[in-house]
Amino acid sequence: MTYLESLNLGLRELLEELPQVVVFGEDLLDPYGGAFKVTRGLQRDFPKQVLTTPISEAALTGIANGMALRGLRPVLEIMFSDFLALCMDQILNHGAKFRTMYNNTVTVPVTIRTPVGGGRGYGPTHSQCIEKLFMGIPEIRIVAPSLFCDAGQVLRHAVLDDKFVLFLEHKLLYTLDLLSAATGLGVETVKDELGYPAALVRNYDSGYPDVTLITYGGMTRFVVSVLQRMAEEEIKVLACVPTLIKPLPFDLLRSAADRSGRVVVAEEGGLHWGWGAEIAARMQESLFGRLRAAVRRVGAVDIVIPAARTLERAVLPADTDIEKAILEVLK
């Protein structure tokens, strides 16, 4: 099953089982089925629960907040994650705050699904990973399923979560097969304290890893090839791949990092002021004296993402950048 098929199935199961689930967004009418076809076939089979809308991301997010306050579980599709900037007020000052403002007498179980990331030459305003803009907002969750989990079941867990959830789907994962097990690698799935799955992937059979790689979402498409190449160099790598990236499942990450004492954190967003920087700081606080080297970070160059494919490749991180960081942290 592909990543996209898993998401489509997860939505279908939710619509079948829960009449309070409403899926809506721009261009969801069949046969089009959304910009990336995740909802294809759903509007045909659930015409009262799957709705297409005019173009107004701010209004749609406000409507989702209102639906949630009235007992529904809205799943809003924002066509590109770059457009979340248009939703910021309704997320920051409304959906994320209502529960606390009203002393826990209401819940706002909104799930915003949105494609993230570059690699397809879509240019500066359709290729970004801007989740760092939302990392500091209290009371929301940010979820990014990888190839090492059942993306549809992660979506189901998010929709049933009573918190406001940003659900990030990387464009380059849609057509790829899920990796419940990868050839030559050990894959273990665990749950964090909030019930979201995380994968522990290793390229060795026994002993302790030399390096711990922490990554999520779209960067997971590089994990198998990187671990296989490192195995050829007799370098043991443990990859820790959470689906919940905010709040951090830090006990899980710290345990994985403590096994090696050497950590590489990889994300597709800009290198500075982001997810990797937060992990590096917290690793230094919690594992000071146990780390055998400074945490290395991998991310995009902090410039506007070009449309030209050759320039885009120069800006976005790749598997070679992860391999370079692993070798550097071992020096």
Foldseek 3Di string as FASTA:
>chain_A
DALLVLQLVLVVVCVVPPVLEAEEEAPCDPPVRAPLNSPHPVCVVRVPRYYYDDDQQQVVLLVLQVSQQVPGQYEYEDRAVLCCVSNVCCVQVNQQCPCVVVVNPGFRLYEYEHEEAADDLPFQRRHADPCLVVQPRPQEWEFAAALCDSNSVLVNLSSPDRTYYYYYAYSVRRGPHRPVDDPQKDWDWDAFPSGFIKIKIKNDDDAFFQEEEEEEHPQVVLVVVLRVVVVVVVGIYIYIYTRTLPPHSVVVVLVNCLRNLEYEYEDAHAFPSGSQVVNQVVNCVPCPVRRPFRYHYYYFHPDRQGSPNVSNPVGTDDSVRVNVRSVVSND
